[in-house]
């Protein structure tokens, strides 16, 4: 959220370009946390009621990351006089060494994240 807010308030393209790689790391974390929770439930270490709360929390945090990505993408689009958000976000992930470096840095920072995107 801090990166998106900085991008929006200060029109900071550097911050804006960091949001999408972080959002992708968050996607991976969400899936890992969901999988780990299912395993805990299968082992009887957690119950279904808590499972619904956990699932809702993960979904809401993922949606927050998606909204942050959209904000940053709009900042990038505005700077480039472009109004195609989804194309901008897709292009930022395709054959982009800067994106890959930023993604890897966030993946390493948040140790549960996968070491490489895929």
N, C-alpha and C. Protein backbone atom coordinates (compact mmCIF):
# COMPACT_ATOMS: atom_id res chain seq x y z
N UNK A 1 0.82 -1.18 0.00
CA UNK A 1 0.00 0.00 0.00
C UNK A 1 0.87 1.25 0.00
N UNK A 2 1.98 1.19 0.73
CA UNK A 2 2.87 2.36 0.78
C UNK A 2 3.41 2.71 -0.60
N UNK A 3 3.81 1.70 -1.38
CA UNK A 3 4.32 1.96 -2.71
C UNK A 3 3.26 2.59 -3.61
N UNK A 4 2.05 2.06 -3.56
CA UNK A 4 0.96 2.59 -4.38
C UNK A 4 0.61 4.02 -3.97
N UNK A 5 0.57 4.25 -2.68
CA UNK A 5 0.27 5.59 -2.19
C UNK A 5 1.34 6.58 -2.63
N UNK A 6 2.60 6.20 -2.50
CA UNK A 6 3.70 7.06 -2.94
C UNK A 6 3.61 7.32 -4.44
N UNK A 7 3.32 6.29 -5.21
CA UNK A 7 3.19 6.45 -6.66
C UNK A 7 2.08 7.42 -6.99
N UNK A 8 0.95 7.29 -6.32
CA UNK A 8 -0.22 8.12 -6.61
C UNK A 8 -0.02 9.57 -6.17
N UNK A 9 0.38 9.75 -4.92
CA UNK A 9 0.50 11.11 -4.38
C UNK A 9 1.63 11.89 -5.03
N UNK A 10 2.78 11.24 -5.23
CA UNK A 10 3.96 11.94 -5.74
C UNK A 10 4.24 11.66 -7.20
N UNK A 11 3.32 10.92 -7.85
CA UNK A 11 3.52 10.55 -9.25
C UNK A 11 4.89 9.89 -9.42
N UNK A 12 5.22 9.02 -8.48
CA UNK A 12 6.53 8.38 -8.42
C UNK A 12 6.51 7.09 -9.25
N UNK A 13 7.10 7.16 -10.44
CA UNK A 13 7.11 6.00 -11.32
C UNK A 13 7.98 4.87 -10.79
N UNK A 14 9.03 5.20 -10.05
CA UNK A 14 9.87 4.17 -9.47
C UNK A 14 9.05 3.30 -8.51
N UNK A 15 8.28 3.94 -7.65
CA UNK A 15 7.41 3.19 -6.74
C UNK A 15 6.34 2.43 -7.52
N UNK A 16 5.77 3.06 -8.52
CA UNK A 16 4.72 2.42 -9.32
C UNK A 16 5.22 1.13 -9.97
N UNK A 17 6.44 1.15 -10.47
CA UNK A 17 6.99 -0.03 -11.14
C UNK A 17 7.33 -1.17 -10.16
N UNK A 18 7.38 -0.89 -8.88
CA UNK A 18 7.66 -1.93 -7.89
C UNK A 18 6.40 -2.65 -7.42
N UNK A 19 5.24 -2.07 -7.68
CA UNK A 19 4.01 -2.63 -7.13
C UNK A 19 3.62 -3.96 -7.78
N UNK A 20 3.67 -4.04 -9.10
CA UNK A 20 3.24 -5.27 -9.78
C UNK A 20 4.11 -6.48 -9.40
N UNK A 21 5.43 -6.35 -9.34
CA UNK A 21 6.21 -7.52 -8.89
C UNK A 21 5.85 -7.94 -7.46
N UNK A 22 5.61 -6.96 -6.60
CA UNK A 22 5.21 -7.29 -5.22
C UNK A 22 3.84 -7.96 -5.22
N UNK A 23 2.94 -7.50 -6.05
CA UNK A 23 1.61 -8.11 -6.13
C UNK A 23 1.72 -9.57 -6.56
N UNK A 24 2.62 -9.87 -7.47
CA UNK A 24 2.81 -11.25 -7.91
C UNK A 24 3.38 -12.12 -6.79
N UNK A 25 4.28 -11.56 -5.99
CA UNK A 25 4.80 -12.29 -4.83
C UNK A 25 3.66 -12.58 -3.85
N UNK A 26 2.80 -11.59 -3.65
CA UNK A 26 1.66 -11.76 -2.75
C UNK A 26 0.74 -12.87 -3.27
N UNK A 27 0.54 -12.93 -4.58
CA UNK A 27 -0.25 -14.03 -5.16
C UNK A 27 0.31 -15.39 -4.75
N UNK A 28 1.61 -15.53 -4.89
CA UNK A 28 2.25 -16.80 -4.53
C UNK A 28 2.12 -17.11 -3.05
N UNK A 29 2.29 -16.08 -2.22
CA UNK A 29 2.15 -16.26 -0.78
C UNK A 29 0.73 -16.71 -0.41
N UNK A 30 -0.25 -16.09 -1.04
CA UNK A 30 -1.64 -16.45 -0.76
C UNK A 30 -1.87 -17.93 -1.03
N UNK A 31 -1.38 -18.41 -2.16
CA UNK A 31 -1.56 -19.82 -2.50
C UNK A 31 -0.83 -20.73 -1.51
N UNK A 32 0.38 -20.34 -1.13
CA UNK A 32 1.13 -21.14 -0.16
C UNK A 32 0.41 -21.19 1.18
N UNK A 33 -0.07 -20.04 1.65
CA UNK A 33 -0.76 -19.99 2.94
C UNK A 33 -2.05 -20.80 2.90
N UNK A 34 -2.76 -20.73 1.80
CA UNK A 34 -4.00 -21.50 1.66
C UNK A 34 -3.69 -23.01 1.68
N UNK A 35 -2.67 -23.41 0.95
CA UNK A 35 -2.28 -24.83 0.91
C UNK A 35 -1.85 -25.31 2.28
N UNK A 36 -1.04 -24.52 2.98
CA UNK A 36 -0.60 -24.91 4.33
C UNK A 36 -1.78 -25.03 5.27
N UNK A 37 -2.76 -24.14 5.11
CA UNK A 37 -3.93 -24.21 5.98
C UNK A 37 -4.74 -25.48 5.71
N UNK A 38 -4.90 -25.83 4.46
CA UNK A 38 -5.63 -27.07 4.13
C UNK A 38 -4.94 -28.26 4.75
N UNK A 39 -3.61 -28.28 4.69
CA UNK A 39 -2.86 -29.38 5.33
C UNK A 39 -3.09 -29.41 6.83
N UNK A 40 -3.12 -28.23 7.47
CA UNK A 40 -3.38 -28.18 8.92
C UNK A 40 -4.78 -28.73 9.23
N UNK A 41 -5.75 -28.38 8.39
CA UNK A 41 -7.11 -28.89 8.61
C UNK A 41 -7.16 -30.40 8.42
N UNK A 42 -6.46 -30.91 7.42
CA UNK A 42 -6.45 -32.35 7.17
C UNK A 42 -5.83 -33.11 8.34
N UNK A 43 -4.87 -32.49 9.00
CA UNK A 43 -4.22 -33.13 10.15
C UNK A 43 -5.00 -32.93 11.45
N UNK A 44 -6.08 -32.16 11.38
CA UNK A 44 -6.88 -31.91 12.57
C UNK A 44 -6.34 -30.82 13.46
N UNK A 45 -5.38 -30.03 12.96
CA UNK A 45 -4.79 -28.95 13.75
C UNK A 45 -5.60 -27.66 13.68
N UNK A 46 -6.65 -27.66 12.88
CA UNK A 46 -7.47 -26.46 12.71
C UNK A 46 -8.87 -26.91 12.32
N UNK A 47 -9.85 -26.05 12.58
CA UNK A 47 -11.22 -26.43 12.24
C UNK A 47 -11.76 -25.63 11.06
N UNK A 48 -12.90 -26.03 10.55
CA UNK A 48 -13.47 -25.45 9.35
C UNK A 48 -13.89 -23.99 9.56
N UNK A 49 -14.36 -23.65 10.76
CA UNK A 49 -14.79 -22.28 11.03
C UNK A 49 -13.62 -21.32 10.88
N UNK A 50 -12.51 -21.67 11.51
CA UNK A 50 -11.31 -20.86 11.39
C UNK A 50 -10.84 -20.84 9.93
N UNK A 51 -11.04 -21.95 9.24
CA UNK A 51 -10.66 -22.04 7.84
C UNK A 51 -11.37 -21.02 6.97
N UNK A 52 -12.66 -20.79 7.23
CA UNK A 52 -13.40 -19.80 6.47
C UNK A 52 -12.89 -18.39 6.75
N UNK A 53 -12.61 -18.12 8.00
CA UNK A 53 -12.08 -16.79 8.37
C UNK A 53 -10.72 -16.59 7.70
N UNK A 54 -9.86 -17.59 7.78
CA UNK A 54 -8.52 -17.52 7.17
C UNK A 54 -8.63 -17.30 5.66
N UNK A 55 -9.53 -18.04 5.01
CA UNK A 55 -9.72 -17.91 3.57
C UNK A 55 -10.21 -16.51 3.20
N UNK A 56 -11.16 -15.99 3.97
CA UNK A 56 -11.65 -14.64 3.71
C UNK A 56 -10.55 -13.61 3.90
N UNK A 57 -9.75 -13.77 4.93
CA UNK A 57 -8.64 -12.84 5.18
C UNK A 57 -7.65 -12.86 4.02
N UNK A 58 -7.26 -14.05 3.57
CA UNK A 58 -6.33 -14.15 2.45
C UNK A 58 -6.91 -13.52 1.18
N UNK A 59 -8.18 -13.77 0.93
CA UNK A 59 -8.84 -13.21 -0.25
C UNK A 59 -8.87 -11.68 -0.19
N UNK A 60 -9.18 -11.15 0.97
CA UNK A 60 -9.24 -9.69 1.11
C UNK A 60 -7.86 -9.05 0.98
N UNK A 61 -6.84 -9.68 1.54
CA UNK A 61 -5.49 -9.14 1.38
C UNK A 61 -5.04 -9.20 -0.08
N UNK A 62 -5.39 -10.27 -0.78
CA UNK A 62 -5.08 -10.40 -2.20
C UNK A 62 -5.79 -9.31 -3.00
N UNK A 63 -7.05 -9.06 -2.68
CA UNK A 63 -7.80 -7.99 -3.37
C UNK A 63 -7.17 -6.63 -3.12
N UNK A 64 -6.70 -6.41 -1.91
CA UNK A 64 -6.02 -5.15 -1.61
C UNK A 64 -4.78 -5.00 -2.48
N UNK A 65 -4.01 -6.07 -2.63
CA UNK A 65 -2.82 -6.04 -3.48
C UNK A 65 -3.21 -5.78 -4.93
N UNK A 66 -4.31 -6.37 -5.38
CA UNK A 66 -4.79 -6.13 -6.75
C UNK A 66 -5.16 -4.67 -6.96
N UNK A 67 -5.85 -4.08 -5.98
CA UNK A 67 -6.21 -2.66 -6.09
C UNK A 67 -4.96 -1.78 -6.13
N UNK A 68 -3.98 -2.12 -5.30
CA UNK A 68 -2.72 -1.36 -5.30
C UNK A 68 -2.04 -1.45 -6.67
N UNK A 69 -2.07 -2.64 -7.25
CA UNK A 69 -1.49 -2.83 -8.57
C UNK A 69 -2.22 -1.97 -9.61
N UNK A 70 -3.54 -1.92 -9.52
CA UNK A 70 -4.31 -1.10 -10.46
C UNK A 70 -3.99 0.38 -10.31
N UNK A 71 -3.83 0.84 -9.08
CA UNK A 71 -3.47 2.25 -8.84
C UNK A 71 -2.11 2.55 -9.48
N UNK A 72 -1.13 1.69 -9.20
CA UNK A 72 0.21 1.91 -9.75
C UNK A 72 0.19 1.84 -11.27
N UNK A 73 -0.57 0.89 -11.82
CA UNK A 73 -0.68 0.78 -13.26
C UNK A 73 -1.28 2.03 -13.89
N UNK A 74 -2.25 2.62 -13.22
CA UNK A 74 -2.84 3.87 -13.73
C UNK A 74 -1.84 5.02 -13.68
N UNK A 75 -1.01 5.05 -12.67
CA UNK A 75 0.04 6.08 -12.60
C UNK A 75 1.00 5.92 -13.79
N UNK A 76 1.38 4.68 -14.06
CA UNK A 76 2.26 4.40 -15.20
C UNK A 76 1.58 4.77 -16.51
N UNK A 77 0.32 4.38 -16.66
CA UNK A 77 -0.45 4.71 -17.87
C UNK A 77 -0.55 6.22 -18.08
N UNK A 78 -0.83 6.95 -17.02
CA UNK A 78 -0.98 8.40 -17.11
C UNK A 78 0.33 9.04 -17.56
N UNK A 79 1.44 8.58 -17.00
CA UNK A 79 2.75 9.14 -17.38
C UNK A 79 3.06 8.87 -18.84
N UNK A 80 2.60 7.73 -19.36
CA UNK A 80 2.85 7.38 -20.76
C UNK A 80 1.73 7.76 -21.70
N UNK A 81 0.75 8.53 -21.18
CA UNK A 81 -0.40 8.95 -21.98
C UNK A 81 -1.07 7.74 -22.64
N UNK A 82 -1.24 6.70 -21.84
CA UNK A 82 -1.82 5.45 -22.30
C UNK A 82 -2.98 5.12 -21.36
N UNK A 83 -4.02 4.52 -21.89
CA UNK A 83 -5.16 4.17 -21.04
C UNK A 83 -5.55 2.71 -21.22
N UNK A 84 -4.56 1.84 -21.14
CA UNK A 84 -4.82 0.42 -21.29
C UNK A 84 -4.16 -0.32 -20.13
N UNK A 85 -4.79 -0.23 -18.97
CA UNK A 85 -4.22 -0.73 -17.72
C UNK A 85 -3.78 -2.19 -17.81
N UNK A 86 -4.65 -3.05 -18.29
CA UNK A 86 -4.32 -4.48 -18.29
C UNK A 86 -3.17 -4.78 -19.24
N UNK A 87 -3.09 -4.09 -20.34
CA UNK A 87 -1.96 -4.27 -21.26
C UNK A 87 -0.67 -3.76 -20.62
N UNK A 88 -0.76 -2.65 -19.92
CA UNK A 88 0.41 -2.10 -19.22
C UNK A 88 0.94 -3.10 -18.19
N UNK A 89 0.04 -3.67 -17.39
CA UNK A 89 0.46 -4.62 -16.36
C UNK A 89 1.02 -5.90 -16.98
N UNK A 90 0.37 -6.39 -18.04
CA UNK A 90 0.86 -7.60 -18.72
C UNK A 90 2.24 -7.34 -19.31
N UNK A 91 2.40 -6.22 -19.97
CA UNK A 91 3.68 -5.89 -20.60
C UNK A 91 4.78 -5.73 -19.56
N UNK A 92 4.44 -5.25 -18.38
CA UNK A 92 5.47 -5.04 -17.35
C UNK A 92 6.06 -6.37 -16.88
N UNK A 93 5.30 -7.47 -17.04
CA UNK A 93 5.77 -8.78 -16.59
C UNK A 93 6.48 -9.57 -17.68
N UNK A 94 6.44 -9.11 -18.91
CA UNK A 94 6.93 -9.89 -20.04
C UNK A 94 8.33 -9.44 -20.45
N UNK A 95 9.29 -10.36 -20.39
CA UNK A 95 10.66 -10.10 -20.83
C UNK A 95 11.19 -8.78 -20.29
N UNK A 96 11.11 -8.61 -18.99
CA UNK A 96 11.49 -7.35 -18.37
C UNK A 96 12.48 -7.65 -17.24
N UNK A 97 13.74 -7.36 -17.47
CA UNK A 97 14.78 -7.66 -16.47
C UNK A 97 14.58 -6.87 -15.19
N UNK A 98 14.16 -5.62 -15.30
CA UNK A 98 13.93 -4.80 -14.11
C UNK A 98 12.82 -5.43 -13.26
N UNK A 99 11.74 -5.83 -13.90
CA UNK A 99 10.64 -6.50 -13.20
C UNK A 99 11.16 -7.76 -12.49
N UNK A 100 11.93 -8.56 -13.22
CA UNK A 100 12.45 -9.81 -12.64
C UNK A 100 13.34 -9.54 -11.43
N UNK A 101 14.18 -8.51 -11.50
CA UNK A 101 15.05 -8.17 -10.36
C UNK A 101 14.21 -7.74 -9.15
N UNK A 102 13.21 -6.91 -9.39
CA UNK A 102 12.37 -6.43 -8.29
C UNK A 102 11.57 -7.59 -7.69
N UNK A 103 11.03 -8.44 -8.57
CA UNK A 103 10.29 -9.61 -8.10
C UNK A 103 11.18 -10.48 -7.21
N UNK A 104 12.38 -10.76 -7.69
CA UNK A 104 13.30 -11.61 -6.94
C UNK A 104 13.65 -10.99 -5.58
N UNK A 105 13.84 -9.68 -5.55
CA UNK A 105 14.15 -9.01 -4.28
C UNK A 105 13.00 -9.16 -3.30
N UNK A 106 11.77 -8.98 -3.76
CA UNK A 106 10.61 -9.15 -2.87
C UNK A 106 10.45 -10.61 -2.47
N UNK A 107 10.68 -11.53 -3.40
CA UNK A 107 10.56 -12.96 -3.09
C UNK A 107 11.55 -13.35 -2.00
N UNK A 108 12.75 -12.80 -2.06
CA UNK A 108 13.76 -13.10 -1.04
C UNK A 108 13.42 -12.43 0.29
N UNK A 109 12.85 -11.23 0.22
CA UNK A 109 12.48 -10.52 1.45
C UNK A 109 11.39 -11.25 2.21
N UNK A 110 10.44 -11.77 1.48
CA UNK A 110 9.33 -12.51 2.09
C UNK A 110 9.59 -13.99 1.86
N UNK A 111 10.30 -14.60 2.78
CA UNK A 111 10.92 -15.90 2.61
C UNK A 111 9.96 -17.03 2.20
N UNK A 112 8.68 -16.87 2.41
CA UNK A 112 7.74 -17.91 2.00
C UNK A 112 7.42 -17.83 0.51
N UNK A 113 7.83 -16.76 -0.13
CA UNK A 113 7.55 -16.59 -1.56
C UNK A 113 8.42 -17.53 -2.38
N UNK A 114 7.93 -17.94 -3.54
CA UNK A 114 8.75 -18.82 -4.42
C UNK A 114 9.99 -18.07 -4.90
N UNK A 115 11.10 -18.77 -5.10
CA UNK A 115 12.34 -18.12 -5.50
C UNK A 115 12.31 -17.57 -6.92
N UNK A 116 11.43 -18.07 -7.76
CA UNK A 116 11.33 -17.56 -9.13
C UNK A 116 9.88 -17.59 -9.54
N UNK A 117 9.49 -16.63 -10.34
CA UNK A 117 8.10 -16.60 -10.78
C UNK A 117 7.91 -17.57 -11.92
N UNK A 118 6.68 -17.97 -12.14
CA UNK A 118 6.45 -18.91 -13.23
C UNK A 118 5.05 -19.10 -13.59
